[in-house]
Amino acid sequence: MDLHLGQKVRLRKIYNGLEGIITKIIPYDPENPISLHGTIEIRITKSVKDFYGKVGDLEHFSHYKWEEDLEPLFYWSEPREPTEDDKLIMYIVVKESLHMSVGKIAAQTGHAVQLLIKKYNQLQKADWGGRTEEEINMTTRYELWDDHKVNDGFTKILCKADDKQWEKLKEIYNPIVVKDAGKTEVIPGSETVMALFPMYKDEREKVLKRLRLL
């Protein structure tokens, strides 16, 4: 199996369900008597009940353990983890034309974040083979955003969009969109707030960059 830095993998047998991102590869060295096997280092992104590792921990696996057990899940061409100056950000967008009150916006924003987390949990429970590359990328970025060891602060930015910008965002991204029940300020079925899975600032499309802060 060809392994790459930044590749996301799952262990199927020994630690069934454990998932992580490869952060280091140490090849087998026949001239080093101590190095009996090649090893890899994995930063855990998803743990299992019967495994002692926690999300964010680093684990080392010898060649004899992982040669037939690793299942490649996703490959980043360049491994990238958040830094102090390059954080993952969850963007939350409010539909400006509805003229909602501050309290209404607060409630709808809470719904949006809750639904995004629910979507993440659904994707995590799904069969990896049935996920699209976009969905795998979404879950991977969420896990890094949610890991305080590599992305301290759980950064969120709240913006507002007009109707044209709103529709454009829906075309470009796969957002979580809140549809209101219509019990208070807006008509039933109104799209009020959307939440986007975490991304880096330089990954924003032009329409998102142009949004004004709420």
C-alpha atoms as a PDB file:
ATOM      1  CA  MET A   1       0.000   0.000   0.000  1.00  0.00           C
ATOM      2  CA  ASP A   2       1.282   3.476  -0.915  1.00  0.00           C
ATOM      3  CA  LEU A   3       1.005   5.824   2.030  1.00  0.00           C
ATOM      4  CA  HIS A   4       1.193   9.607   1.971  1.00  0.00           C
ATOM      5  CA  LEU A   5       1.468  12.367   4.534  1.00  0.00           C
ATOM      6  CA  GLY A   6      -1.968  13.838   5.086  1.00  0.00           C
ATOM      7  CA  GLN A   7      -3.724  10.651   4.010  1.00  0.00           C
ATOM      8  CA  LYS A   8      -6.736   9.790   6.116  1.00  0.00           C
ATOM      9  CA  VAL A   9      -6.982   6.129   7.056  1.00  0.00           C
ATOM     10  CA  ARG A  10      -9.119   3.756   9.085  1.00  0.00           C
ATOM     11  CA  LEU A  11      -7.951   0.631  10.885  1.00  0.00           C
ATOM     12  CA  ARG A  12     -10.305  -2.232  10.142  1.00  0.00           C
ATOM     13  CA  LYS A  13      -9.157  -5.105  12.335  1.00  0.00           C
ATOM     14  CA  ILE A  14      -6.868  -4.373  15.264  1.00  0.00           C
ATOM     15  CA  TYR A  15      -8.586  -1.145  16.328  1.00  0.00           C
ATOM     16  CA  ASN A  16     -11.767  -1.443  14.316  1.00  0.00           C
ATOM     17  CA  GLY A  17     -13.238   2.006  13.706  1.00  0.00           C
ATOM     18  CA  LEU A  18     -10.169   4.049  14.643  1.00  0.00           C
ATOM     19  CA  GLU A  19      -9.549   6.792  12.079  1.00  0.00           C
ATOM     20  CA  GLY A  20      -6.729   9.265  11.732  1.00  0.00           C
ATOM     21  CA  ILE A  21      -4.470  11.384   9.530  1.00  0.00           C
ATOM     22  CA  ILE A  22      -0.932  10.222   8.759  1.00  0.00           C
ATOM     23  CA  THR A  23       1.514  12.809  10.087  1.00  0.00           C
ATOM     24  CA  LYS A  24       4.799  10.909   9.802  1.00  0.00           C
ATOM     25  CA  ILE A  25       6.143   7.928   7.865  1.00  0.00           C
ATOM     26  CA  ILE A  26       9.352   6.169   8.962  1.00  0.00           C
ATOM     27  CA  PRO A  27      10.372   3.552   6.368  1.00  0.00           C
ATOM     28  CA  TYR A  28      12.015   0.260   7.199  1.00  0.00           C
ATOM     29  CA  ASP A  29      15.800   0.593   7.436  1.00  0.00           C
ATOM     30  CA  PRO A  30      17.592  -2.755   6.912  1.00  0.00           C
ATOM     31  CA  GLU A  31      20.858  -1.241   8.189  1.00  0.00           C
ATOM     32  CA  ASN A  32      19.318  -0.307  11.503  1.00  0.00           C
ATOM     33  CA  PRO A  33      18.929  -3.450  13.667  1.00  0.00           C
ATOM     34  CA  ILE A  34      16.531  -1.600  15.984  1.00  0.00           C
ATOM     35  CA  SER A  35      14.171  -0.743  13.128  1.00  0.00           C
ATOM     36  CA  LEU A  36      12.515  -4.120  12.519  1.00  0.00           C
ATOM     37  CA  HIS A  37       9.491  -2.601  10.819  1.00  0.00           C
ATOM     38  CA  GLY A  38       8.541   0.596   9.086  1.00  0.00           C
ATOM     39  CA  THR A  39       6.260   2.737  11.240  1.00  0.00           C
ATOM     40  CA  ILE A  40       3.688   5.453  10.716  1.00  0.00           C
ATOM     41  CA  GLU A  41       2.385   8.141  13.046  1.00  0.00           C
ATOM     42  CA  ILE A  42      -1.350   8.875  13.009  1.00  0.00           C
ATOM     43  CA  ARG A  43      -3.195  11.797  14.582  1.00  0.00           C
ATOM     44  CA  ILE A  44      -6.490  10.297  15.735  1.00  0.00           C
ATOM     45  CA  THR A  45      -9.613  11.980  14.337  1.00  0.00           C
ATOM     46  CA  LYS A  46     -12.146   9.343  15.401  1.00  0.00           C
ATOM     47  CA  SER A  47     -11.763   6.919  18.285  1.00  0.00           C
ATOM     48  CA  VAL A  48     -13.675   3.820  19.360  1.00  0.00           C
ATOM     49  CA  LYS A  49     -15.038   2.720  22.711  1.00  0.00           C
ATOM     50  CA  ASP A  50     -12.564  -0.099  23.229  1.00  0.00           C
ATOM     51  CA  PHE A  51      -9.529   1.963  22.242  1.00  0.00           C
ATOM     52  CA  TYR A  52      -7.612   4.070  24.730  1.00  0.00           C
ATOM     53  CA  GLY A  53      -6.624   6.854  22.350  1.00  0.00           C
ATOM     54  CA  LYS A  54      -8.433  10.181  22.293  1.00  0.00           C
ATOM     55  CA  VAL A  55      -9.139  12.462  19.375  1.00  0.00           C
ATOM     56  CA  GLY A  56      -6.042  14.559  18.710  1.00  0.00           C
ATOM     57  CA  ASP A  57      -3.651  11.977  20.204  1.00  0.00           C
ATOM     58  CA  LEU A  58      -0.755  10.630  18.180  1.00  0.00           C
ATOM     59  CA  GLU A  59      -0.316   6.896  17.750  1.00  0.00           C
ATOM     60  CA  HIS A  60       2.488   4.880  16.181  1.00  0.00           C
ATOM     61  CA  PHE A  61       1.834   1.687  14.253  1.00  0.00           C
ATOM     62  CA  SER A  62       4.451  -0.810  13.124  1.00  0.00           C
ATOM     63  CA  HIS A  63       4.504  -2.260   9.633  1.00  0.00           C
ATOM     64  CA  TYR A  64       3.290  -5.681  10.738  1.00  0.00           C
ATOM     65  CA  LYS A  65       0.179  -4.122  12.294  1.00  0.00           C
ATOM     66  CA  TRP A  66      -0.925  -1.864   9.500  1.00  0.00           C
ATOM     67  CA  GLU A  67       0.166  -3.515   6.248  1.00  0.00           C
ATOM     68  CA  GLU A  68      -3.137  -5.341   5.718  1.00  0.00           C
ATOM     69  CA  ASP A  69      -5.269  -3.351   8.103  1.00  0.00           C
ATOM     70  CA  LEU A  70      -5.224   0.250   6.907  1.00  0.00           C
ATOM     71  CA  GLU A  71      -8.039   1.425   4.675  1.00  0.00           C
ATOM     72  CA  PRO A  72      -7.308   4.681   2.802  1.00  0.00           C
ATOM     73  CA  LEU A  73     -10.175   7.126   3.180  1.00  0.00           C
ATOM     74  CA  PHE A  74      -9.056  10.423   1.734  1.00  0.00           C
ATOM     75  CA  TYR A  75      -5.869  12.024   0.467  1.00  0.00           C
ATOM     76  CA  TRP A  76      -4.864  15.653   0.888  1.00  0.00           C
ATOM     77  CA  SER A  77      -2.326  16.722  -1.705  1.00  0.00           C
ATOM     78  CA  GLU A  78      -0.733  18.873   0.997  1.00  0.00           C
ATOM     79  CA  PRO A  79      -1.299  18.129   4.680  1.00  0.00           C
ATOM     80  CA  ARG A  80      -2.671  21.212   6.346  1.00  0.00           C
ATOM     81  CA  GLU A  81      -3.534  21.728   9.975  1.00  0.00           C
ATOM     82  CA  PRO A  82      -4.806  24.972  11.515  1.00  0.00           C
ATOM     83  CA  THR A  83      -2.291  27.405  13.015  1.00  0.00           C
ATOM     84  CA  GLU A  84      -2.656  30.599  15.020  1.00  0.00           C
ATOM     85  CA  ASP A  85      -2.617  32.640  11.802  1.00  0.00           C
ATOM     86  CA  ASP A  86      -4.402  30.109   9.591  1.00  0.00           C
ATOM     87  CA  LYS A  87      -7.481  28.838  11.399  1.00  0.00           C
ATOM     88  CA  LEU A  88     -10.453  26.858  10.225  1.00  0.00           C
ATOM     89  CA  ILE A  89     -13.593  28.990  10.393  1.00  0.00           C
ATOM     90  CA  MET A  90     -17.284  28.123  10.443  1.00  0.00           C
ATOM     91  CA  TYR A  91     -19.204  30.750   8.468  1.00  0.00           C
ATOM     92  CA  ILE A  92     -22.809  31.456   9.455  1.00  0.00           C
ATOM     93  CA  VAL A  93     -24.898  33.573   7.083  1.00  0.00           C
ATOM     94  CA  VAL A  94     -28.136  35.419   7.893  1.00  0.00           C
ATOM     95  CA  LYS A  95     -30.700  36.266   5.187  1.00  0.00           C
ATOM     96  CA  GLU A  96     -30.793  40.043   5.370  1.00  0.00           C
ATOM     97  CA  SER A  97     -34.094  40.638   3.543  1.00  0.00           C
ATOM     98  CA  LEU A  98     -36.124  39.029   6.351  1.00  0.00           C
ATOM     99  CA  HIS A  99     -35.211  41.833   8.793  1.00  0.00           C
ATOM    100  CA  MET A 100     -35.275  39.475  11.774  1.00  0.00           C
ATOM    101  CA  SER A 101     -34.858  40.752  15.324  1.00  0.00           C
ATOM    102  CA  VAL A 102     -31.660  40.135  17.283  1.00  0.00           C
ATOM    103  CA  GLY A 103     -33.363  37.432  19.344  1.00  0.00           C
ATOM    104  CA  LYS A 104     -34.715  35.703  16.244  1.00  0.00           C
ATOM    105  CA  ILE A 105     -31.291  35.723  14.603  1.00  0.00           C
ATOM    106  CA  ALA A 106     -29.723  34.271  17.759  1.00  0.00           C
ATOM    107  CA  ALA A 107     -32.247  31.419  17.833  1.00  0.00           C
ATOM    108  CA  GLN A 108     -31.890  30.673  14.113  1.00  0.00           C
ATOM    109  CA  THR A 109     -28.094  30.712  14.389  1.00  0.00           C
ATOM    110  CA  GLY A 110     -28.317  28.144  17.180  1.00  0.00           C
ATOM    111  CA  HIS A 111     -30.519  25.976  14.970  1.00  0.00           C
ATOM    112  CA  ALA A 112     -28.017  26.218  12.106  1.00  0.00           C
ATOM    113  CA  VAL A 113     -25.036  25.126  14.211  1.00  0.00           C
ATOM    114  CA  GLN A 114     -27.070  22.327  15.799  1.00  0.00           C
ATOM    115  CA  LEU A 115     -28.143  21.041  12.380  1.00  0.00           C
ATOM    116  CA  LEU A 116     -24.569  21.176  11.090  1.00  0.00           C
ATOM    117  CA  ILE A 117     -23.376  19.057  14.018  1.00  0.00           C
ATOM    118  CA  LYS A 118     -26.255  16.660  13.372  1.00  0.00           C
ATOM    119  CA  LYS A 119     -25.189  16.413   9.717  1.00  0.00           C
ATOM    120  CA  TYR A 120     -21.608  15.695  10.770  1.00  0.00           C
ATOM    121  CA  ASN A 121     -22.773  12.910  13.083  1.00  0.00           C
ATOM    122  CA  GLN A 122     -24.841  11.387  10.267  1.00  0.00           C
ATOM    123  CA  LEU A 123     -21.840  11.413   7.947  1.00  0.00           C
ATOM    124  CA  GLN A 124     -19.671   9.817  10.628  1.00  0.00           C
ATOM    125  CA  LYS A 125     -22.114   6.943  11.017  1.00  0.00           C
ATOM    126  CA  ALA A 126     -22.408   6.392   7.270  1.00  0.00           C
ATOM    127  CA  ASP A 127     -20.398   3.787   5.400  1.00  0.00           C
ATOM    128  CA  TRP A 128     -17.174   5.395   4.220  1.00  0.00           C
ATOM    129  CA  GLY A 129     -17.517   3.754   0.831  1.00  0.00           C
ATOM    130  CA  GLY A 130     -20.820   5.550   0.296  1.00  0.00           C
ATOM    131  CA  ARG A 131     -19.483   9.047   0.978  1.00  0.00           C
ATOM    132  CA  THR A 132     -18.462  11.513  -1.672  1.00  0.00           C
ATOM    133  CA  GLU A 133     -15.034  13.144  -1.614  1.00  0.00           C
ATOM    134  CA  GLU A 134     -16.735  16.413  -0.664  1.00  0.00           C
ATOM    135  CA  GLU A 135     -18.429  14.777   2.332  1.00  0.00           C
ATOM    136  CA  ILE A 136     -15.153  13.227   3.484  1.00  0.00           C
ATOM    137  CA  ASN A 137     -13.504  16.627   3.186  1.00  0.00           C
ATOM    138  CA  MET A 138     -16.336  18.240   5.154  1.00  0.00           C
ATOM    139  CA  THR A 139     -16.039  15.784   8.035  1.00  0.00           C
ATOM    140  CA  THR A 140     -12.256  16.000   8.093  1.00  0.00           C
ATOM    141  CA  ARG A 141     -12.304  19.783   8.291  1.00  0.00           C
ATOM    142  CA  TYR A 142     -14.991  19.690  10.993  1.00  0.00           C
ATOM    143  CA  GLU A 143     -12.878  17.306  13.090  1.00  0.00           C
ATOM    144  CA  LEU A 144      -9.846  19.585  12.849  1.00  0.00           C
ATOM    145  CA  TRP A 145     -11.986  22.656  13.616  1.00  0.00           C
ATOM    146  CA  ASP A 146     -13.488  20.866  16.636  1.00  0.00           C
ATOM    147  CA  ASP A 147     -10.076  19.719  17.954  1.00  0.00           C
ATOM    148  CA  HIS A 148      -8.947  22.379  20.454  1.00  0.00           C
ATOM    149  CA  LYS A 149      -5.386  21.033  20.324  1.00  0.00           C
ATOM    150  CA  VAL A 150      -4.926  22.120  16.713  1.00  0.00           C
ATOM    151  CA  ASN A 151      -7.638  24.780  16.266  1.00  0.00           C
ATOM    152  CA  ASP A 152      -8.151  26.597  19.534  1.00  0.00           C
ATOM    153  CA  GLY A 153     -11.238  28.792  19.733  1.00  0.00           C
ATOM    154  CA  PHE A 154     -13.849  27.064  17.514  1.00  0.00           C
ATOM    155  CA  THR A 155     -13.876  30.230  15.383  1.00  0.00           C
ATOM    156  CA  LYS A 156     -17.200  31.327  13.868  1.00  0.00           C
ATOM    157  CA  ILE A 157     -17.929  34.363  11.692  1.00  0.00           C
ATOM    158  CA  LEU A 158     -21.470  35.699  11.291  1.00  0.00           C
ATOM    159  CA  CYS A 159     -22.302  37.466   8.018  1.00  0.00           C
ATOM    160  CA  LYS A 160     -25.374  38.751   6.207  1.00  0.00           C
ATOM    161  CA  ALA A 161     -26.404  38.156   2.599  1.00  0.00           C
ATOM    162  CA  ASP A 162     -28.959  39.626   0.245  1.00  0.00           C
ATOM    163  CA  ASP A 163     -31.254  37.319  -1.735  1.00  0.00           C
ATOM    164  CA  LYS A 164     -28.928  37.097  -4.753  1.00  0.00           C
ATOM    165  CA  GLN A 165     -25.897  36.292  -2.600  1.00  0.00           C
ATOM    166  CA  TRP A 166     -27.968  33.768  -0.650  1.00  0.00           C
ATOM    167  CA  GLU A 167     -28.872  31.798  -3.770  1.00  0.00           C
ATOM    168  CA  LYS A 168     -25.286  31.937  -5.030  1.00  0.00           C
ATOM    169  CA  LEU A 169     -23.991  30.505  -1.757  1.00  0.00           C
ATOM    170  CA  LYS A 170     -26.474  27.639  -2.038  1.00  0.00           C
ATOM    171  CA  GLU A 171     -25.212  26.914  -5.559  1.00  0.00           C
ATOM    172  CA  ILE A 172     -21.530  26.889  -4.628  1.00  0.00           C
ATOM    173  CA  TYR A 173     -21.537  25.236  -1.228  1.00  0.00           C
ATOM    174  CA  ASN A 174     -23.442  22.433   0.429  1.00  0.00           C
ATOM    175  CA  PRO A 175     -24.779  24.550   3.305  1.00  0.00           C
ATOM    176  CA  ILE A 176     -26.987  23.657   6.223  1.00  0.00           C
ATOM    177  CA  VAL A 177     -30.072  25.831   5.707  1.00  0.00           C
ATOM    178  CA  VAL A 178     -32.612  26.546   8.452  1.00  0.00           C
ATOM    179  CA  LYS A 179     -36.252  26.715   7.357  1.00  0.00           C
ATOM    180  CA  ASP A 180     -38.414  28.438   9.919  1.00  0.00           C
ATOM    181  CA  ALA A 181     -41.717  27.026  11.188  1.00  0.00           C
ATOM    182  CA  GLY A 182     -43.274  30.482  10.905  1.00  0.00           C
ATOM    183  CA  LYS A 183     -44.570  30.786  14.466  1.00  0.00           C
ATOM    184  CA  THR A 184     -43.217  34.271  15.171  1.00  0.00           C
ATOM    185  CA  GLU A 185     -41.623  36.746  12.755  1.00  0.00           C
ATOM    186  CA  VAL A 186     -41.450  35.128   9.299  1.00  0.00           C
ATOM    187  CA  ILE A 187     -43.746  33.071   7.109  1.00  0.00           C
ATOM    188  CA  PRO A 188     -43.576  29.253   7.349  1.00  0.00           C
ATOM    189  CA  GLY A 189     -40.795  27.697   5.300  1.00  0.00           C
ATOM    190  CA  SER A 190     -38.676  30.849   5.147  1.00  0.00           C
ATOM    191  CA  GLU A 191     -34.943  30.181   4.804  1.00  0.00           C
ATOM    192  CA  THR A 192     -33.411  32.222   7.615  1.00  0.00           C
ATOM    193  CA  VAL A 193     -29.799  31.216   8.361  1.00  0.00           C
ATOM    194  CA  MET A 194     -27.241  28.924   6.760  1.00  0.00           C
ATOM    195  CA  ALA A 195     -24.114  27.359   8.244  1.00  0.00           C
ATOM    196  CA  LEU A 196     -21.108  26.262   6.186  1.00  0.00           C
ATOM    197  CA  PHE A 197     -18.786  23.460   7.212  1.00  0.00           C
ATOM    198  CA  PRO A 198     -15.451  24.889   8.474  1.00  0.00           C
ATOM    199  CA  MET A 199     -12.967  26.120   5.870  1.00  0.00           C
ATOM    200  CA  TYR A 200      -9.796  28.194   5.646  1.00  0.00           C
ATOM    201  CA  LYS A 201     -10.078  31.868   4.687  1.00  0.00           C
ATOM    202  CA  ASP A 202      -8.182  31.418   1.440  1.00  0.00           C
ATOM    203  CA  GLU A 203     -10.667  28.746   0.360  1.00  0.00           C
ATOM    204  CA  ARG A 204     -13.599  31.161   0.312  1.00  0.00           C
ATOM    205  CA  GLU A 205     -15.296  31.833  -2.986  1.00  0.00           C
ATOM    206  CA  LYS A 206     -15.682  35.457  -4.094  1.00  0.00           C
ATOM    207  CA  VAL A 207     -19.309  35.738  -2.990  1.00  0.00           C
ATOM    208  CA  LEU A 208     -18.430  34.675   0.558  1.00  0.00           C
ATOM    209  CA  LYS A 209     -15.479  37.080   0.733  1.00  0.00           C
ATOM    210  CA  ARG A 210     -17.770  39.966  -0.187  1.00  0.00           C
ATOM    211  CA  LEU A 211     -20.325  39.375   2.562  1.00  0.00           C
ATOM    212  CA  ARG A 212     -20.553  42.013   5.273  1.00  0.00           C
ATOM    213  CA  LEU A 213     -20.329  41.124   8.935  1.00  0.00           C
ATOM    214  CA  LEU A 214     -23.624  41.160  10.766  1.00  0.00           C
END
